[in-house]
Amino acid sequence: MQSDVTQSVAQSQIRSIVERIERLEEEKKAIADDIKEVYAEAKSNGFDTKTLRKVVTLRKKDRAEREEEEAMLDLYLNALGMISTGISQD
């Protein structure tokens, strides 16, 4: 008898967890759709959505993290000869 009650409680908990996850997944999809609409609106107003996405990503980072990322990017680009350092190589 105890096992049946325990199993019933476990099944109820699993069902509740799965239903909560499903509800959150639906909300996540709705939010993703809303974000897509905002980017579409920005694009129709002449903004570059790729750049906007990059700005949003950068705003999530703190200043030190952004500066470190930019320094690494500059280092790699310089190593590939894609940017000049302003130092004459005579």
PDB file of N, CA and C in Angstrom:
ATOM      1  N   MET A   1       0.818  -1.202   0.000  1.00  0.00           N
ATOM      2  CA  MET A   1       0.000   0.000   0.000  1.00  0.00           C
ATOM      3  C   MET A   1       0.861   1.265   0.000  1.00  0.00           C
ATOM      4  N   GLN A   2       1.858   1.270   0.868  1.00  0.00           N
ATOM      5  CA  GLN A   2       2.763   2.427   0.935  1.00  0.00           C
ATOM      6  C   GLN A   2       3.404   2.689  -0.417  1.00  0.00           C
ATOM      7  N   SER A   3       3.791   1.646  -1.123  1.00  0.00           N
ATOM      8  CA  SER A   3       4.440   1.774  -2.423  1.00  0.00           C
ATOM      9  C   SER A   3       3.505   2.411  -3.442  1.00  0.00           C
ATOM     10  N   ASP A   4       2.218   2.050  -3.402  1.00  0.00           N
ATOM     11  CA  ASP A   4       1.244   2.621  -4.327  1.00  0.00           C
ATOM     12  C   ASP A   4       1.085   4.125  -4.092  1.00  0.00           C
ATOM     13  N   VAL A   5       1.064   4.538  -2.832  1.00  0.00           N
ATOM     14  CA  VAL A   5       0.934   5.955  -2.497  1.00  0.00           C
ATOM     15  C   VAL A   5       2.174   6.705  -2.957  1.00  0.00           C
ATOM     16  N   THR A   6       3.344   6.127  -2.679  1.00  0.00           N
ATOM     17  CA  THR A   6       4.604   6.750  -3.080  1.00  0.00           C
ATOM     18  C   THR A   6       4.670   6.896  -4.596  1.00  0.00           C
ATOM     19  N   GLN A   7       4.257   5.839  -5.301  1.00  0.00           N
ATOM     20  CA  GLN A   7       4.267   5.876  -6.762  1.00  0.00           C
ATOM     21  C   GLN A   7       3.286   6.919  -7.283  1.00  0.00           C
ATOM     22  N   SER A   8       2.134   7.027  -6.667  1.00  0.00           N
ATOM     23  CA  SER A   8       1.134   8.000  -7.087  1.00  0.00           C
ATOM     24  C   SER A   8       1.642   9.431  -6.887  1.00  0.00           C
ATOM     25  N   VAL A   9       2.313   9.662  -5.747  1.00  0.00           N
ATOM     26  CA  VAL A   9       2.874  10.984  -5.468  1.00  0.00           C
ATOM     27  C   VAL A   9       3.960  11.311  -6.484  1.00  0.00           C
ATOM     28  N   ALA A  10       4.819  10.338  -6.766  1.00  0.00           N
ATOM     29  CA  ALA A  10       5.897  10.548  -7.736  1.00  0.00           C
ATOM     30  C   ALA A  10       5.316  10.848  -9.114  1.00  0.00           C
ATOM     31  N   GLN A  11       4.301  10.123  -9.519  1.00  0.00           N
ATOM     32  CA  GLN A  11       3.677  10.366 -10.820  1.00  0.00           C
ATOM     33  C   GLN A  11       3.064  11.761 -10.876  1.00  0.00           C
ATOM     34  N   SER A  12       2.450  12.169  -9.796  1.00  0.00           N
ATOM     35  CA  SER A  12       1.853  13.495  -9.737  1.00  0.00           C
ATOM     36  C   SER A  12       2.923  14.582  -9.830  1.00  0.00           C
ATOM     37  N   GLN A  13       4.028  14.373  -9.146  1.00  0.00           N
ATOM     38  CA  GLN A  13       5.126  15.342  -9.203  1.00  0.00           C
ATOM     39  C   GLN A  13       5.720  15.418 -10.599  1.00  0.00           C
ATOM     40  N   ILE A  14       5.915  14.273 -11.233  1.00  0.00           N
ATOM     41  CA  ILE A  14       6.470  14.242 -12.590  1.00  0.00           C
ATOM     42  C   ILE A  14       5.535  14.976 -13.547  1.00  0.00           C
ATOM     43  N   ARG A  15       4.231  14.697 -13.440  1.00  0.00           N
ATOM     44  CA  ARG A  15       3.253  15.354 -14.311  1.00  0.00           C
ATOM     45  C   ARG A  15       3.304  16.869 -14.102  1.00  0.00           C
ATOM     46  N   SER A  16       3.368  17.295 -12.856  1.00  0.00           N
ATOM     47  CA  SER A  16       3.420  18.720 -12.545  1.00  0.00           C
ATOM     48  C   SER A  16       4.678  19.363 -13.120  1.00  0.00           C
ATOM     49  N   ILE A  17       5.803  18.719 -12.969  1.00  0.00           N
ATOM     50  CA  ILE A  17       7.066  19.243 -13.493  1.00  0.00           C
ATOM     51  C   ILE A  17       7.016  19.350 -15.004  1.00  0.00           C
ATOM     52  N   VAL A  18       6.556  18.292 -15.661  1.00  0.00           N
ATOM     53  CA  VAL A  18       6.478  18.289 -17.125  1.00  0.00           C
ATOM     54  C   VAL A  18       5.529  19.384 -17.615  1.00  0.00           C
ATOM     55  N   GLU A  19       4.398  19.540 -16.961  1.00  0.00           N
ATOM     56  CA  GLU A  19       3.441  20.574 -17.370  1.00  0.00           C
ATOM     57  C   GLU A  19       4.018  21.972 -17.177  1.00  0.00           C
ATOM     58  N   ARG A  20       4.767  22.190 -16.096  1.00  0.00           N
ATOM     59  CA  ARG A  20       5.411  23.490 -15.882  1.00  0.00           C
ATOM     60  C   ARG A  20       6.448  23.764 -16.964  1.00  0.00           C
ATOM     61  N   ILE A  21       7.236  22.744 -17.290  1.00  0.00           N
ATOM     62  CA  ILE A  21       8.243  22.908 -18.348  1.00  0.00           C
ATOM     63  C   ILE A  21       7.564  23.227 -19.674  1.00  0.00           C
ATOM     64  N   GLU A  22       6.504  22.511 -19.991  1.00  0.00           N
ATOM     65  CA  GLU A  22       5.790  22.756 -21.238  1.00  0.00           C
ATOM     66  C   GLU A  22       5.233  24.183 -21.286  1.00  0.00           C
ATOM     67  N   ARG A  23       4.684  24.654 -20.175  1.00  0.00           N
ATOM     68  CA  ARG A  23       4.145  26.011 -20.120  1.00  0.00           C
ATOM     69  C   ARG A  23       5.257  27.043 -20.317  1.00  0.00           C
ATOM     70  N   LEU A  24       6.398  26.813 -19.667  1.00  0.00           N
ATOM     71  CA  LEU A  24       7.528  27.732 -19.818  1.00  0.00           C
ATOM     72  C   LEU A  24       8.076  27.712 -21.239  1.00  0.00           C
ATOM     73  N   GLU A  25       8.106  26.546 -21.872  1.00  0.00           N
ATOM     74  CA  GLU A  25       8.549  26.456 -23.269  1.00  0.00           C
ATOM     75  C   GLU A  25       7.617  27.257 -24.182  1.00  0.00           C
ATOM     76  N   GLU A  26       6.321  27.211 -23.907  1.00  0.00           N
ATOM     77  CA  GLU A  26       5.361  27.997 -24.691  1.00  0.00           C
ATOM     78  C   GLU A  26       5.614  29.489 -24.493  1.00  0.00           C
ATOM     79  N   GLU A  27       5.860  29.895 -23.245  1.00  0.00           N
ATOM     80  CA  GLU A  27       6.149  31.297 -22.964  1.00  0.00           C
ATOM     81  C   GLU A  27       7.439  31.732 -23.639  1.00  0.00           C
ATOM     82  N   LYS A  28       8.441  30.853 -23.609  1.00  0.00           N
ATOM     83  CA  LYS A  28       9.724  31.157 -24.247  1.00  0.00           C
ATOM     84  C   LYS A  28       9.534  31.359 -25.751  1.00  0.00           C
ATOM     85  N   LYS A  29       8.713  30.526 -26.369  1.00  0.00           N
ATOM     86  CA  LYS A  29       8.459  30.667 -27.807  1.00  0.00           C
ATOM     87  C   LYS A  29       7.732  31.975 -28.097  1.00  0.00           C
ATOM     88  N   ALA A  30       6.778  32.323 -27.246  1.00  0.00           N
ATOM     89  CA  ALA A  30       6.040  33.574 -27.438  1.00  0.00           C
ATOM     90  C   ALA A  30       6.985  34.768 -27.315  1.00  0.00           C
ATOM     91  N   ILE A  31       7.883  34.729 -26.351  1.00  0.00           N
ATOM     92  CA  ILE A  31       8.846  35.822 -26.177  1.00  0.00           C
ATOM     93  C   ILE A  31       9.793  35.879 -27.371  1.00  0.00           C
ATOM     94  N   ALA A  32      10.261  34.721 -27.842  1.00  0.00           N
ATOM     95  CA  ALA A  32      11.142  34.695 -29.014  1.00  0.00           C
ATOM     96  C   ALA A  32      10.432  35.290 -30.229  1.00  0.00           C
ATOM     97  N   ASP A  33       9.145  34.986 -30.379  1.00  0.00           N
ATOM     98  CA  ASP A  33       8.368  35.560 -31.485  1.00  0.00           C
ATOM     99  C   ASP A  33       8.255  37.077 -31.347  1.00  0.00           C
ATOM    100  N   ASP A  34       8.067  37.549 -30.113  1.00  0.00           N
ATOM    101  CA  ASP A  34       7.997  38.995 -29.871  1.00  0.00           C
ATOM    102  C   ASP A  34       9.319  39.665 -30.228  1.00  0.00           C
ATOM    103  N   ILE A  35      10.426  39.042 -29.856  1.00  0.00           N
ATOM    104  CA  ILE A  35      11.744  39.599 -30.167  1.00  0.00           C
ATOM    105  C   ILE A  35      11.942  39.656 -31.680  1.00  0.00           C
ATOM    106  N   LYS A  36      11.528  38.600 -32.378  1.00  0.00           N
ATOM    107  CA  LYS A  36      11.616  38.587 -33.838  1.00  0.00           C
ATOM    108  C   LYS A  36      10.842  39.749 -34.444  1.00  0.00           C
ATOM    109  N   GLU A  37       9.674  40.022 -33.901  1.00  0.00           N
ATOM    110  CA  GLU A  37       8.854  41.126 -34.399  1.00  0.00           C
ATOM    111  C   GLU A  37       9.553  42.473 -34.197  1.00  0.00           C
ATOM    112  N   VAL A  38      10.221  42.632 -33.065  1.00  0.00           N
ATOM    113  CA  VAL A  38      10.925  43.893 -32.796  1.00  0.00           C
ATOM    114  C   VAL A  38      12.072  44.059 -33.784  1.00  0.00           C
ATOM    115  N   TYR A  39      12.819  42.979 -34.048  1.00  0.00           N
ATOM    116  CA  TYR A  39      13.897  43.058 -35.036  1.00  0.00           C
ATOM    117  C   TYR A  39      13.341  43.353 -36.427  1.00  0.00           C
ATOM    118  N   ALA A  40      12.207  42.764 -36.766  1.00  0.00           N
ATOM    119  CA  ALA A  40      11.580  43.040 -38.071  1.00  0.00           C
ATOM    120  C   ALA A  40      11.164  44.503 -38.164  1.00  0.00           C
ATOM    121  N   GLU A  41      10.641  45.033 -37.073  1.00  0.00           N
ATOM    122  CA  GLU A  41      10.269  46.447 -37.034  1.00  0.00           C
ATOM    123  C   GLU A  41      11.503  47.326 -37.217  1.00  0.00           C
ATOM    124  N   ALA A  42      12.587  46.967 -36.525  1.00  0.00           N
ATOM    125  CA  ALA A  42      13.829  47.738 -36.645  1.00  0.00           C
ATOM    126  C   ALA A  42      14.332  47.706 -38.083  1.00  0.00           C
ATOM    127  N   LYS A  43      14.268  46.521 -38.702  1.00  0.00           N
ATOM    128  CA  LYS A  43      14.719  46.388 -40.087  1.00  0.00           C
ATOM    129  C   LYS A  43      13.865  47.232 -41.024  1.00  0.00           C
ATOM    130  N   SER A  44      12.565  47.245 -40.793  1.00  0.00           N
ATOM    131  CA  SER A  44      11.686  48.037 -41.665  1.00  0.00           C
ATOM    132  C   SER A  44      11.916  49.533 -41.474  1.00  0.00           C
ATOM    133  N   ASN A  45      12.513  49.914 -40.354  1.00  0.00           N
ATOM    134  CA  ASN A  45      12.863  51.318 -40.108  1.00  0.00           C
ATOM    135  C   ASN A  45      14.280  51.640 -40.565  1.00  0.00           C
ATOM    136  N   GLY A  46      14.923  50.688 -41.242  1.00  0.00           N
ATOM    137  CA  GLY A  46      16.228  50.944 -41.834  1.00  0.00           C
ATOM    138  C   GLY A  46      17.428  50.593 -40.970  1.00  0.00           C
ATOM    139  N   PHE A  47      17.192  49.957 -39.829  1.00  0.00           N
ATOM    140  CA  PHE A  47      18.310  49.575 -38.970  1.00  0.00           C
ATOM    141  C   PHE A  47      18.867  48.230 -39.382  1.00  0.00           C
ATOM    142  N   ASP A  48      20.173  48.049 -39.171  1.00  0.00           N
ATOM    143  CA  ASP A  48      20.842  46.785 -39.473  1.00  0.00           C
ATOM    144  C   ASP A  48      20.650  45.842 -38.288  1.00  0.00           C
ATOM    145  N   THR A  49      19.897  44.771 -38.509  1.00  0.00           N
ATOM    146  CA  THR A  49      19.561  43.881 -37.395  1.00  0.00           C
ATOM    147  C   THR A  49      20.767  43.088 -36.891  1.00  0.00           C
ATOM    148  N   LYS A  50      21.702  42.790 -37.776  1.00  0.00           N
ATOM    149  CA  LYS A  50      22.899  42.079 -37.335  1.00  0.00           C
ATOM    150  C   LYS A  50      23.676  42.932 -36.328  1.00  0.00           C
ATOM    151  N   THR A  51      23.778  44.216 -36.618  1.00  0.00           N
ATOM    152  CA  THR A  51      24.462  45.132 -35.707  1.00  0.00           C
ATOM    153  C   THR A  51      23.678  45.287 -34.410  1.00  0.00           C
ATOM    154  N   LEU A  52      22.362  45.385 -34.508  1.00  0.00           N
ATOM    155  CA  LEU A  52      21.544  45.484 -33.302  1.00  0.00           C
ATOM    156  C   LEU A  52      21.723  44.259 -32.406  1.00  0.00           C
ATOM    157  N   ARG A  53      21.776  43.075 -33.010  1.00  0.00           N
ATOM    158  CA  ARG A  53      21.985  41.854 -32.222  1.00  0.00           C
ATOM    159  C   ARG A  53      23.335  41.889 -31.505  1.00  0.00           C
ATOM    160  N   LYS A  54      24.342  42.399 -32.198  1.00  0.00           N
ATOM    161  CA  LYS A  54      25.674  42.513 -31.594  1.00  0.00           C
ATOM    162  C   LYS A  54      25.647  43.502 -30.426  1.00  0.00           C
ATOM    163  N   VAL A  55      24.947  44.619 -30.603  1.00  0.00           N
ATOM    164  CA  VAL A  55      24.829  45.617 -29.534  1.00  0.00           C
ATOM    165  C   VAL A  55      24.145  45.005 -28.307  1.00  0.00           C
ATOM    166  N   VAL A  56      23.075  44.271 -28.535  1.00  0.00           N
ATOM    167  CA  VAL A  56      22.355  43.629 -27.428  1.00  0.00           C
ATOM    168  C   VAL A  56      23.282  42.660 -26.705  1.00  0.00           C
ATOM    169  N   THR A  57      24.053  41.897 -27.465  1.00  0.00           N
ATOM    170  CA  THR A  57      25.000  40.953 -26.866  1.00  0.00           C
ATOM    171  C   THR A  57      26.061  41.688 -26.050  1.00  0.00           C
ATOM    172  N   LEU A  58      26.592  42.762 -26.607  1.00  0.00           N
ATOM    173  CA  LEU A  58      27.622  43.526 -25.900  1.00  0.00           C
ATOM    174  C   LEU A  58      27.091  44.170 -24.629  1.00  0.00           C
ATOM    175  N   ARG A  59      25.851  44.617 -24.642  1.00  0.00           N
ATOM    176  CA  ARG A  59      25.279  45.265 -23.454  1.00  0.00           C
ATOM    177  C   ARG A  59      25.091  44.287 -22.298  1.00  0.00           C
ATOM    178  N   LYS A  60      25.075  43.001 -22.591  1.00  0.00           N
ATOM    179  CA  LYS A  60      24.949  41.986 -21.534  1.00  0.00           C
ATOM    180  C   LYS A  60      26.263  41.803 -20.775  1.00  0.00           C
ATOM    181  N   LYS A  61      27.359  42.247 -21.371  1.00  0.00           N
ATOM    182  CA  LYS A  61      28.684  42.052 -20.783  1.00  0.00           C
ATOM    183  C   LYS A  61      29.103  43.296 -20.017  1.00  0.00           C
ATOM    184  N   ASP A  62      29.941  43.097 -18.991  1.00  0.00           N
ATOM    185  CA  ASP A  62      30.447  44.269 -18.289  1.00  0.00           C
ATOM    186  C   ASP A  62      31.603  44.864 -19.092  1.00  0.00           C
ATOM    187  N   ARG A  63      32.002  46.061 -18.708  1.00  0.00           N
ATOM    188  CA  ARG A  63      32.993  46.819 -19.470  1.00  0.00           C
ATOM    189  C   ARG A  63      34.315  46.070 -19.608  1.00  0.00           C
ATOM    190  N   ALA A  64      34.794  45.470 -18.531  1.00  0.00           N
ATOM    191  CA  ALA A  64      36.075  44.759 -18.570  1.00  0.00           C
ATOM    192  C   ALA A  64      36.019  43.571 -19.530  1.00  0.00           C
ATOM    193  N   GLU A  65      34.919  42.869 -19.513  1.00  0.00           N
ATOM    194  CA  GLU A  65      34.761  41.718 -20.410  1.00  0.00           C
ATOM    195  C   GLU A  65      34.743  42.172 -21.876  1.00  0.00           C
ATOM    196  N   ARG A  66      34.028  43.278 -22.141  1.00  0.00           N
ATOM    197  CA  ARG A  66      33.989  43.821 -23.511  1.00  0.00           C
ATOM    198  C   ARG A  66      35.372  44.269 -23.957  1.00  0.00           C
ATOM    199  N   GLU A  67      36.089  44.968 -23.083  1.00  0.00           N
ATOM    200  CA  GLU A  67      37.417  45.463 -23.439  1.00  0.00           C
ATOM    201  C   GLU A  67      38.386  44.310 -23.702  1.00  0.00           C
ATOM    202  N   GLU A  68      38.301  43.267 -22.896  1.00  0.00           N
ATOM    203  CA  GLU A  68      39.165  42.103 -23.109  1.00  0.00           C
ATOM    204  C   GLU A  68      38.850  41.432 -24.442  1.00  0.00           C
ATOM    205  N   GLU A  69      37.571  41.298 -24.746  1.00  0.00           N
ATOM    206  CA  GLU A  69      37.147  40.698 -26.006  1.00  0.00           C
ATOM    207  C   GLU A  69      37.632  41.534 -27.194  1.00  0.00           C
ATOM    208  N   GLU A  70      37.495  42.857 -27.091  1.00  0.00           N
ATOM    209  CA  GLU A  70      37.942  43.748 -28.164  1.00  0.00           C
ATOM    210  C   GLU A  70      39.458  43.681 -28.350  1.00  0.00           C
ATOM    211  N   ALA A  71      40.201  43.601 -27.239  1.00  0.00           N
ATOM    212  CA  ALA A  71      41.656  43.518 -27.326  1.00  0.00           C
ATOM    213  C   ALA A  71      42.079  42.218 -28.012  1.00  0.00           C
ATOM    214  N   MET A  72      41.413  41.122 -27.670  1.00  0.00           N
ATOM    215  CA  MET A  72      41.731  39.840 -28.310  1.00  0.00           C
ATOM    216  C   MET A  72      41.398  39.884 -29.796  1.00  0.00           C
ATOM    217  N   LEU A  73      40.271  40.480 -30.141  1.00  0.00           N
ATOM    218  CA  LEU A  73      39.884  40.602 -31.541  1.00  0.00           C
ATOM    219  C   LEU A  73      40.914  41.427 -32.303  1.00  0.00           C
ATOM    220  N   ASP A  74      41.327  42.566 -31.732  1.00  0.00           N
ATOM    221  CA  ASP A  74      42.349  43.410 -32.364  1.00  0.00           C
ATOM    222  C   ASP A  74      43.657  42.641 -32.545  1.00  0.00           C
ATOM    223  N   LEU A  75      44.041  41.881 -31.528  1.00  0.00           N
ATOM    224  CA  LEU A  75      45.271  41.090 -31.600  1.00  0.00           C
ATOM    225  C   LEU A  75      45.207  40.089 -32.757  1.00  0.00           C
ATOM    226  N   TYR A  76      44.111  39.378 -32.856  1.00  0.00           N
ATOM    227  CA  TYR A  76      43.950  38.374 -33.918  1.00  0.00           C
ATOM    228  C   TYR A  76      43.900  39.035 -35.294  1.00  0.00           C
ATOM    229  N   LEU A  77      43.140  40.120 -35.405  1.00  0.00           N
ATOM    230  CA  LEU A  77      43.046  40.811 -36.696  1.00  0.00           C
ATOM    231  C   LEU A  77      44.398  41.373 -37.114  1.00  0.00           C
ATOM    232  N   ASN A  78      45.139  41.908 -36.162  1.00  0.00           N
ATOM    233  CA  ASN A  78      46.472  42.427 -36.447  1.00  0.00           C
ATOM    234  C   ASN A  78      47.400  41.300 -36.900  1.00  0.00           C
ATOM    235  N   ALA A  79      47.314  40.155 -36.243  1.00  0.00           N
ATOM    236  CA  ALA A  79      48.151  39.014 -36.613  1.00  0.00           C
ATOM    237  C   ALA A  79      47.861  38.546 -38.037  1.00  0.00           C
ATOM    238  N   LEU A  80      46.641  38.758 -38.472  1.00  0.00           N
ATOM    239  CA  LEU A  80      46.263  38.368 -39.838  1.00  0.00           C
ATOM    240  C   LEU A  80      46.469  39.498 -40.841  1.00  0.00           C
ATOM    241  N   GLY A  81      46.988  40.631 -40.364  1.00  0.00           N
ATOM    242  CA  GLY A  81      47.219  41.758 -41.255  1.00  0.00           C
ATOM    243  C   GLY A  81      45.959  42.473 -41.686  1.00  0.00           C
ATOM    244  N   MET A  82      44.917  42.335 -40.899  1.00  0.00           N
ATOM    245  CA  MET A  82      43.631  42.920 -41.266  1.00  0.00           C
ATOM    246  C   MET A  82      43.451  44.330 -40.698  1.00  0.00           C
ATOM    247  N   ILE A  83      44.291  44.727 -39.746  1.00  0.00           N
ATOM    248  CA  ILE A  83      44.257  46.090 -39.211  1.00  0.00           C
ATOM    249  C   ILE A  83      45.698  46.541 -39.004  1.00  0.00           C
ATOM    250  N   SER A  84      45.886  47.847 -39.034  1.00  0.00           N
ATOM    251  CA  SER A  84      47.227  48.351 -38.777  1.00  0.00           C
ATOM    252  C   SER A  84      47.290  48.880 -37.358  1.00  0.00           C
ATOM    253  N   THR A  85      48.446  48.767 -36.771  1.00  0.00           N
ATOM    254  CA  THR A  85      48.623  49.234 -35.398  1.00  0.00           C
ATOM    255  C   THR A  85      49.036  50.676 -35.332  1.00  0.00           C
ATOM    256  N   GLY A  86      49.309  51.280 -36.495  1.00  0.00           N
ATOM    257  CA  GLY A  86      49.765  52.650 -36.517  1.00  0.00           C
ATOM    258  C   GLY A  86      51.280  52.745 -36.377  1.00  0.00           C
ATOM    259  N   ILE A  87      51.922  51.609 -36.214  1.00  0.00           N
ATOM    260  CA  ILE A  87      53.380  51.559 -36.094  1.00  0.00           C
ATOM    261  C   ILE A  87      53.948  51.329 -37.494  1.00  0.00           C
ATOM    262  N   SER A  88      54.866  52.163 -37.899  1.00  0.00           N
ATOM    263  CA  SER A  88      55.482  52.039 -39.200  1.00  0.00           C
ATOM    264  C   SER A  88      56.397  50.818 -39.227  1.00  0.00           C
ATOM    265  N   GLN A  89      56.300  50.045 -40.292  1.00  0.00           N
ATOM    266  CA  GLN A  89      57.135  48.851 -40.428  1.00  0.00           C
ATOM    267  C   GLN A  89      58.166  49.052 -41.527  1.00  0.00           C
ATOM    268  N   ASP A  90      58.985  50.102 -41.416  1.00  0.00           N
ATOM    269  CA  ASP A  90      60.001  50.419 -42.429  1.00  0.00           C
ATOM    270  C   ASP A  90      61.190  49.533 -42.290  1.00  0.00           C
TER     271      ASP A  90
END
